[in-house]
Amino acid sequence: MEPEAFIRTHTALRPVPHAPAIRLHVADEATELWGRTEEELGEIGLPPPFWAFAWAGGQALAAYVLEHPETVAGARVLDFASGSGLVAIAAAMAGAASVAASDLDPFAHAAIALNAAENGVADRITAMSADLIGRDEGWDCVLAADIFYERDLAARVGDWLATLHARGARVLLGDPGRAYLPKDRLENLATYAVPVTRALEDAEIKRTGVWRFRA
């Protein structure tokens, strides 16, 4: 089954709880969808479908961008590890000139395209598959959510984002305090009580921050 057909079959179109102006194709249960993905595609080790859920950090960052459109208005934006495209969509809706939605998973690219079209912003969002860590393509603003869950990845991404911040990019992070969030390098801009799926987050409400690097 092609990625777009798979997504349409195994997800439902629903408003994002903490950013209801945005609608996404989302799954009800993580483990059930992962099983279907592996079974129906016959690919052992296929990446977990992070694209099928509105994670806490992404919801918070999307809400912040919609509440503060000046953050992205007229800007060339990168949404790193975009997943469903939630944050990219928020940036486009808030007036970004263009948004690169970066993700290594080809299913995420299909989800981003479907979700961007559903929200009327497909003309300003482009999915990217390249590994961008360490690269600088001149983005005015870089958005990243829920990326600090694994030690080595968090260190690489944190250093790269700090470098982009140092050269003048506006870098904003959405994170509910995952294990490797570098809080000592960050300052909090806002905190939200975000509705989440207990199967994913071990809670129904997750206090989630929007952060930027210290000056």
C-alpha atoms as a PDB file:
ATOM      1  CA  MET A   1       0.000   0.000   0.000  1.00  0.00           C
ATOM      2  CA  GLU A   2       1.320   3.432  -0.893  1.00  0.00           C
ATOM      3  CA  PRO A   3       2.014   5.824   2.021  1.00  0.00           C
ATOM      4  CA  GLU A   4      -0.870   8.176   1.192  1.00  0.00           C
ATOM      5  CA  ALA A   5      -3.358   5.310   0.935  1.00  0.00           C
ATOM      6  CA  PHE A   6      -2.044   3.767   4.140  1.00  0.00           C
ATOM      7  CA  ILE A   7      -2.446   7.059   6.009  1.00  0.00           C
ATOM      8  CA  ARG A   8      -5.983   7.598   4.744  1.00  0.00           C
ATOM      9  CA  THR A   9      -6.933   4.034   5.717  1.00  0.00           C
ATOM     10  CA  HIS A  10      -5.471   3.971   9.221  1.00  0.00           C
ATOM     11  CA  THR A  11      -6.017   7.499  10.510  1.00  0.00           C
ATOM     12  CA  ALA A  12      -8.881   9.918  10.986  1.00  0.00           C
ATOM     13  CA  LEU A  13      -8.985  13.650  10.339  1.00  0.00           C
ATOM     14  CA  ARG A  14      -9.325  15.457  13.663  1.00  0.00           C
ATOM     15  CA  PRO A  15      -8.644  18.920  15.114  1.00  0.00           C
ATOM     16  CA  VAL A  16      -5.471  19.229  17.173  1.00  0.00           C
ATOM     17  CA  PRO A  17      -6.547  19.502  20.838  1.00  0.00           C
ATOM     18  CA  HIS A  18      -4.357  22.503  21.722  1.00  0.00           C
ATOM     19  CA  ALA A  19      -4.442  24.106  18.264  1.00  0.00           C
ATOM     20  CA  PRO A  20      -7.953  23.306  17.007  1.00  0.00           C
ATOM     21  CA  ALA A  21      -7.658  25.572  13.982  1.00  0.00           C
ATOM     22  CA  ILE A  22      -5.459  22.811  12.528  1.00  0.00           C
ATOM     23  CA  ARG A  23      -6.785  19.399  11.469  1.00  0.00           C
ATOM     24  CA  LEU A  24      -4.499  16.375  11.112  1.00  0.00           C
ATOM     25  CA  HIS A  25      -4.726  12.769  10.016  1.00  0.00           C
ATOM     26  CA  VAL A  26      -4.039  11.034  13.341  1.00  0.00           C
ATOM     27  CA  ALA A  27      -4.208   7.500  14.702  1.00  0.00           C
ATOM     28  CA  ASP A  28      -6.103   6.421  17.792  1.00  0.00           C
ATOM     29  CA  GLU A  29      -3.556   4.007  19.215  1.00  0.00           C
ATOM     30  CA  ALA A  30       0.190   3.966  18.678  1.00  0.00           C
ATOM     31  CA  THR A  31       0.843   0.265  19.153  1.00  0.00           C
ATOM     32  CA  GLU A  32      -2.017  -0.796  16.876  1.00  0.00           C
ATOM     33  CA  LEU A  33      -0.823   1.404  14.033  1.00  0.00           C
ATOM     34  CA  TRP A  34       2.785   0.295  14.430  1.00  0.00           C
ATOM     35  CA  GLY A  35       1.647  -3.324  14.119  1.00  0.00           C
ATOM     36  CA  ARG A  36      -0.346  -2.585  11.000  1.00  0.00           C
ATOM     37  CA  THR A  37       2.555  -0.687   9.487  1.00  0.00           C
ATOM     38  CA  GLU A  38       4.952  -3.593   9.938  1.00  0.00           C
ATOM     39  CA  GLU A  39       2.446  -6.242   8.858  1.00  0.00           C
ATOM     40  CA  GLU A  40       0.977  -4.549   5.817  1.00  0.00           C
ATOM     41  CA  LEU A  41       4.206  -3.149   4.439  1.00  0.00           C
ATOM     42  CA  GLY A  42       6.297  -6.184   5.271  1.00  0.00           C
ATOM     43  CA  GLU A  43       9.186  -4.036   6.423  1.00  0.00           C
ATOM     44  CA  ILE A  44      10.701  -5.149   9.707  1.00  0.00           C
ATOM     45  CA  GLY A  45      12.167  -2.179  11.483  1.00  0.00           C
ATOM     46  CA  LEU A  46      10.093   0.459   9.692  1.00  0.00           C
ATOM     47  CA  PRO A  47      10.356   3.703  11.705  1.00  0.00           C
ATOM     48  CA  PRO A  48       7.603   4.168  14.297  1.00  0.00           C
ATOM     49  CA  PRO A  49       4.874   6.418  12.857  1.00  0.00           C
ATOM     50  CA  PHE A  50       5.671   9.595  14.766  1.00  0.00           C
ATOM     51  CA  TRP A  51       3.790  11.388  11.969  1.00  0.00           C
ATOM     52  CA  ALA A  52       0.473   9.902  13.147  1.00  0.00           C
ATOM     53  CA  PHE A  53       0.225  11.772  16.460  1.00  0.00           C
ATOM     54  CA  ALA A  54       0.065  15.343  17.729  1.00  0.00           C
ATOM     55  CA  TRP A  55       2.868  15.225  20.301  1.00  0.00           C
ATOM     56  CA  ALA A  56       2.935  17.582  23.271  1.00  0.00           C
ATOM     57  CA  GLY A  57       5.859  19.709  22.118  1.00  0.00           C
ATOM     58  CA  GLY A  58       4.433  20.128  18.652  1.00  0.00           C
ATOM     59  CA  GLN A  59       1.032  21.172  19.995  1.00  0.00           C
ATOM     60  CA  ALA A  60       2.607  23.761  22.278  1.00  0.00           C
ATOM     61  CA  LEU A  61       4.883  25.170  19.594  1.00  0.00           C
ATOM     62  CA  ALA A  62       2.065  25.303  17.046  1.00  0.00           C
ATOM     63  CA  ALA A  63      -0.163  27.133  19.521  1.00  0.00           C
ATOM     64  CA  TYR A  64       2.622  29.616  20.317  1.00  0.00           C
ATOM     65  CA  VAL A  65       3.286  30.367  16.648  1.00  0.00           C
ATOM     66  CA  LEU A  66      -0.419  30.921  15.982  1.00  0.00           C
ATOM     67  CA  GLU A  67      -0.645  33.208  19.023  1.00  0.00           C
ATOM     68  CA  HIS A  68       2.537  35.098  18.021  1.00  0.00           C
ATOM     69  CA  PRO A  69       2.475  35.274  14.207  1.00  0.00           C
ATOM     70  CA  GLU A  70       5.248  37.869  14.240  1.00  0.00           C
ATOM     71  CA  THR A  71       7.552  34.964  15.076  1.00  0.00           C
ATOM     72  CA  VAL A  72       7.346  33.673  11.507  1.00  0.00           C
ATOM     73  CA  ALA A  73       5.568  36.322   9.411  1.00  0.00           C
ATOM     74  CA  GLY A  74       7.327  36.755   6.080  1.00  0.00           C
ATOM     75  CA  ALA A  75      10.118  34.382   7.101  1.00  0.00           C
ATOM     76  CA  ARG A  76      11.815  31.393   5.494  1.00  0.00           C
ATOM     77  CA  VAL A  77      11.121  28.735   8.110  1.00  0.00           C
ATOM     78  CA  LEU A  78      12.511  25.279   8.810  1.00  0.00           C
ATOM     79  CA  ASP A  79      10.368  22.846  10.791  1.00  0.00           C
ATOM     80  CA  PHE A  80      12.913  20.212  11.831  1.00  0.00           C
ATOM     81  CA  ALA A  81      11.721  16.619  12.422  1.00  0.00           C
ATOM     82  CA  SER A  82       8.313  17.724  11.223  1.00  0.00           C
ATOM     83  CA  GLY A  83       6.400  14.445  11.651  1.00  0.00           C
ATOM     84  CA  SER A  84       2.771  15.219  10.838  1.00  0.00           C
ATOM     85  CA  GLY A  85       3.658  18.726   9.678  1.00  0.00           C
ATOM     86  CA  LEU A  86       1.746  20.281  12.585  1.00  0.00           C
ATOM     87  CA  VAL A  87       4.276  23.018  13.364  1.00  0.00           C
ATOM     88  CA  ALA A  88       4.982  23.672   9.681  1.00  0.00           C
ATOM     89  CA  ILE A  89       1.261  24.150   9.096  1.00  0.00           C
ATOM     90  CA  ALA A  90       1.011  26.559  12.021  1.00  0.00           C
ATOM     91  CA  ALA A  91       3.919  28.569  10.617  1.00  0.00           C
ATOM     92  CA  ALA A  92       2.319  28.772   7.183  1.00  0.00           C
ATOM     93  CA  MET A  93      -1.032  29.770   8.673  1.00  0.00           C
ATOM     94  CA  ALA A  94       0.743  32.466  10.704  1.00  0.00           C
ATOM     95  CA  GLY A  95       2.200  34.040   7.571  1.00  0.00           C
ATOM     96  CA  ALA A  96       5.565  32.415   6.868  1.00  0.00           C
ATOM     97  CA  ALA A  97       6.760  33.059   3.330  1.00  0.00           C
ATOM     98  CA  SER A  98       7.838  29.431   2.956  1.00  0.00           C
ATOM     99  CA  VAL A  99       8.292  26.419   5.211  1.00  0.00           C
ATOM    100  CA  ALA A 100      10.672  23.502   4.747  1.00  0.00           C
ATOM    101  CA  ALA A 101       9.241  20.529   6.664  1.00  0.00           C
ATOM    102  CA  SER A 102      12.161  18.192   7.301  1.00  0.00           C
ATOM    103  CA  ASP A 103      11.764  14.516   8.166  1.00  0.00           C
ATOM    104  CA  LEU A 104      13.682  11.352   7.281  1.00  0.00           C
ATOM    105  CA  ASP A 105      10.566   9.131   7.166  1.00  0.00           C
ATOM    106  CA  PRO A 106       8.893   8.917   3.725  1.00  0.00           C
ATOM    107  CA  PHE A 107       5.544   8.291   5.440  1.00  0.00           C
ATOM    108  CA  ALA A 108       5.955  11.638   7.178  1.00  0.00           C
ATOM    109  CA  HIS A 109       6.328  13.290   3.781  1.00  0.00           C
ATOM    110  CA  ALA A 110       2.992  11.843   2.698  1.00  0.00           C
ATOM    111  CA  ALA A 111       1.377  12.917   5.984  1.00  0.00           C
ATOM    112  CA  ILE A 112       2.809  16.429   5.665  1.00  0.00           C
ATOM    113  CA  ALA A 113       1.419  16.767   2.143  1.00  0.00           C
ATOM    114  CA  LEU A 114      -2.026  15.483   3.125  1.00  0.00           C
ATOM    115  CA  ASN A 115      -2.220  17.622   6.249  1.00  0.00           C
ATOM    116  CA  ALA A 116      -0.923  20.765   4.535  1.00  0.00           C
ATOM    117  CA  ALA A 117      -3.534  20.373   1.801  1.00  0.00           C
ATOM    118  CA  GLU A 118      -6.303  19.816   4.345  1.00  0.00           C
ATOM    119  CA  ASN A 119      -5.366  23.093   6.050  1.00  0.00           C
ATOM    120  CA  GLY A 120      -5.028  25.095   2.855  1.00  0.00           C
ATOM    121  CA  VAL A 121      -1.290  25.797   3.046  1.00  0.00           C
ATOM    122  CA  ALA A 122       0.191  23.206   0.687  1.00  0.00           C
ATOM    123  CA  ASP A 123       1.539  25.951  -1.586  1.00  0.00           C
ATOM    124  CA  ARG A 124       3.969  27.164   1.102  1.00  0.00           C
ATOM    125  CA  ILE A 125       5.180  23.877   2.630  1.00  0.00           C
ATOM    126  CA  THR A 126       7.830  21.663   1.071  1.00  0.00           C
ATOM    127  CA  ALA A 127       8.787  18.314   2.616  1.00  0.00           C
ATOM    128  CA  MET A 128      12.521  17.613   2.789  1.00  0.00           C
ATOM    129  CA  SER A 129      14.181  14.230   3.303  1.00  0.00           C
ATOM    130  CA  ALA A 130      17.819  15.307   3.693  1.00  0.00           C
ATOM    131  CA  ASP A 131      19.627  14.999   7.021  1.00  0.00           C
ATOM    132  CA  LEU A 132      19.960  18.690   7.819  1.00  0.00           C
ATOM    133  CA  ILE A 133      21.883  18.453  11.081  1.00  0.00           C
ATOM    134  CA  GLY A 134      24.980  20.600  10.686  1.00  0.00           C
ATOM    135  CA  ARG A 135      23.664  22.418   7.622  1.00  0.00           C
ATOM    136  CA  ASP A 136      22.606  26.051   7.300  1.00  0.00           C
ATOM    137  CA  GLU A 137      20.468  27.054   4.340  1.00  0.00           C
ATOM    138  CA  GLY A 138      19.847  30.568   5.576  1.00  0.00           C
ATOM    139  CA  TRP A 139      16.535  30.002   7.339  1.00  0.00           C
ATOM    140  CA  ASP A 140      15.191  33.027   9.193  1.00  0.00           C
ATOM    141  CA  CYS A 141      13.422  30.874  11.756  1.00  0.00           C
ATOM    142  CA  VAL A 142      13.934  27.261  12.865  1.00  0.00           C
ATOM    143  CA  LEU A 143      11.230  25.375  14.767  1.00  0.00           C
ATOM    144  CA  ALA A 144      11.729  21.998  16.432  1.00  0.00           C
ATOM    145  CA  ALA A 145       9.511  20.003  18.788  1.00  0.00           C
ATOM    146  CA  ASP A 146       9.866  16.775  20.777  1.00  0.00           C
ATOM    147  CA  ILE A 147      13.422  16.059  19.644  1.00  0.00           C
ATOM    148  CA  PHE A 148      15.318  15.695  22.922  1.00  0.00           C
ATOM    149  CA  TYR A 149      14.398  12.103  23.793  1.00  0.00           C
ATOM    150  CA  GLU A 150      17.671  10.334  22.895  1.00  0.00           C
ATOM    151  CA  ARG A 151      21.070  11.322  24.282  1.00  0.00           C
ATOM    152  CA  ASP A 152      23.295  11.311  21.193  1.00  0.00           C
ATOM    153  CA  LEU A 153      20.695  12.843  18.896  1.00  0.00           C
ATOM    154  CA  ALA A 154      19.880  15.523  21.464  1.00  0.00           C
ATOM    155  CA  ALA A 155      23.540  16.529  21.751  1.00  0.00           C
ATOM    156  CA  ARG A 156      23.999  16.794  17.970  1.00  0.00           C
ATOM    157  CA  VAL A 157      20.757  18.665  17.398  1.00  0.00           C
ATOM    158  CA  GLY A 158      21.265  20.960  20.377  1.00  0.00           C
ATOM    159  CA  ASP A 159      24.716  22.049  19.200  1.00  0.00           C
ATOM    160  CA  TRP A 160      23.491  22.580  15.637  1.00  0.00           C
ATOM    161  CA  LEU A 161      20.479  24.639  16.717  1.00  0.00           C
ATOM    162  CA  ALA A 162      22.651  26.700  19.055  1.00  0.00           C
ATOM    163  CA  THR A 163      24.926  27.486  16.099  1.00  0.00           C
ATOM    164  CA  LEU A 164      21.964  28.621  14.010  1.00  0.00           C
ATOM    165  CA  HIS A 165      20.794  30.785  16.905  1.00  0.00           C
ATOM    166  CA  ALA A 166      24.259  32.326  17.262  1.00  0.00           C
ATOM    167  CA  ARG A 167      24.315  33.421  13.618  1.00  0.00           C
ATOM    168  CA  GLY A 168      20.954  35.140  14.000  1.00  0.00           C
ATOM    169  CA  ALA A 169      18.221  32.639  13.214  1.00  0.00           C
ATOM    170  CA  ARG A 170      15.175  32.669  15.489  1.00  0.00           C
ATOM    171  CA  VAL A 171      15.177  29.173  17.010  1.00  0.00           C
ATOM    172  CA  LEU A 172      12.153  27.997  18.993  1.00  0.00           C
ATOM    173  CA  LEU A 173      11.675  24.624  20.657  1.00  0.00           C
ATOM    174  CA  GLY A 174       8.559  22.872  21.902  1.00  0.00           C
ATOM    175  CA  ASP A 175       9.210  20.309  24.619  1.00  0.00           C
ATOM    176  CA  PRO A 176       7.457  18.903  27.709  1.00  0.00           C
ATOM    177  CA  GLY A 177      10.742  18.398  29.555  1.00  0.00           C
ATOM    178  CA  ARG A 178      12.012  15.275  27.829  1.00  0.00           C
ATOM    179  CA  ALA A 179      15.080  13.598  29.271  1.00  0.00           C
ATOM    180  CA  TYR A 180      17.767  15.415  27.286  1.00  0.00           C
ATOM    181  CA  LEU A 181      16.266  18.895  26.869  1.00  0.00           C
ATOM    182  CA  PRO A 182      19.245  21.250  27.523  1.00  0.00           C
ATOM    183  CA  LYS A 183      17.404  23.544  29.935  1.00  0.00           C
ATOM    184  CA  ASP A 184      20.649  25.128  31.107  1.00  0.00           C
ATOM    185  CA  ARG A 185      21.054  26.645  27.623  1.00  0.00           C
ATOM    186  CA  LEU A 186      17.451  27.754  27.231  1.00  0.00           C
ATOM    187  CA  GLU A 187      14.895  30.226  28.501  1.00  0.00           C
ATOM    188  CA  ASN A 188      11.183  29.547  28.686  1.00  0.00           C
ATOM    189  CA  LEU A 189       8.824  31.719  26.640  1.00  0.00           C
ATOM    190  CA  ALA A 190       5.497  30.050  27.475  1.00  0.00           C
ATOM    191  CA  THR A 191       4.040  27.005  29.183  1.00  0.00           C
ATOM    192  CA  TYR A 192       0.855  25.218  28.190  1.00  0.00           C
ATOM    193  CA  ALA A 193      -1.257  22.419  29.639  1.00  0.00           C
ATOM    194  CA  VAL A 194      -1.496  20.209  26.552  1.00  0.00           C
ATOM    195  CA  PRO A 195      -4.006  17.351  26.145  1.00  0.00           C
ATOM    196  CA  VAL A 196      -2.180  14.206  25.025  1.00  0.00           C
ATOM    197  CA  THR A 197      -2.722  10.487  24.561  1.00  0.00           C
ATOM    198  CA  ARG A 198      -2.000   8.468  27.709  1.00  0.00           C
ATOM    199  CA  ALA A 199      -0.658   5.561  25.659  1.00  0.00           C
ATOM    200  CA  LEU A 200       2.077   7.847  24.317  1.00  0.00           C
ATOM    201  CA  GLU A 201       2.828  10.268  27.122  1.00  0.00           C
ATOM    202  CA  ASP A 202       1.769   8.368  30.257  1.00  0.00           C
ATOM    203  CA  ALA A 203      -0.536  11.275  31.104  1.00  0.00           C
ATOM    204  CA  GLU A 204      -3.652  12.983  29.791  1.00  0.00           C
ATOM    205  CA  ILE A 205      -2.360  16.522  30.316  1.00  0.00           C
ATOM    206  CA  LYS A 206       1.303  17.419  29.788  1.00  0.00           C
ATOM    207  CA  ARG A 207       2.803  20.722  30.948  1.00  0.00           C
ATOM    208  CA  THR A 208       4.794  21.717  27.910  1.00  0.00           C
ATOM    209  CA  GLY A 209       7.127  24.626  27.305  1.00  0.00           C
ATOM    210  CA  VAL A 210       8.173  26.741  24.368  1.00  0.00           C
ATOM    211  CA  TRP A 211      11.842  27.607  24.648  1.00  0.00           C
ATOM    212  CA  ARG A 212      14.573  29.632  22.990  1.00  0.00           C
ATOM    213  CA  PHE A 213      18.332  29.662  23.402  1.00  0.00           C
ATOM    214  CA  ARG A 214      19.744  32.193  25.830  1.00  0.00           C
ATOM    215  CA  ALA A 215      21.333  35.296  24.340  1.00  0.00           C
END
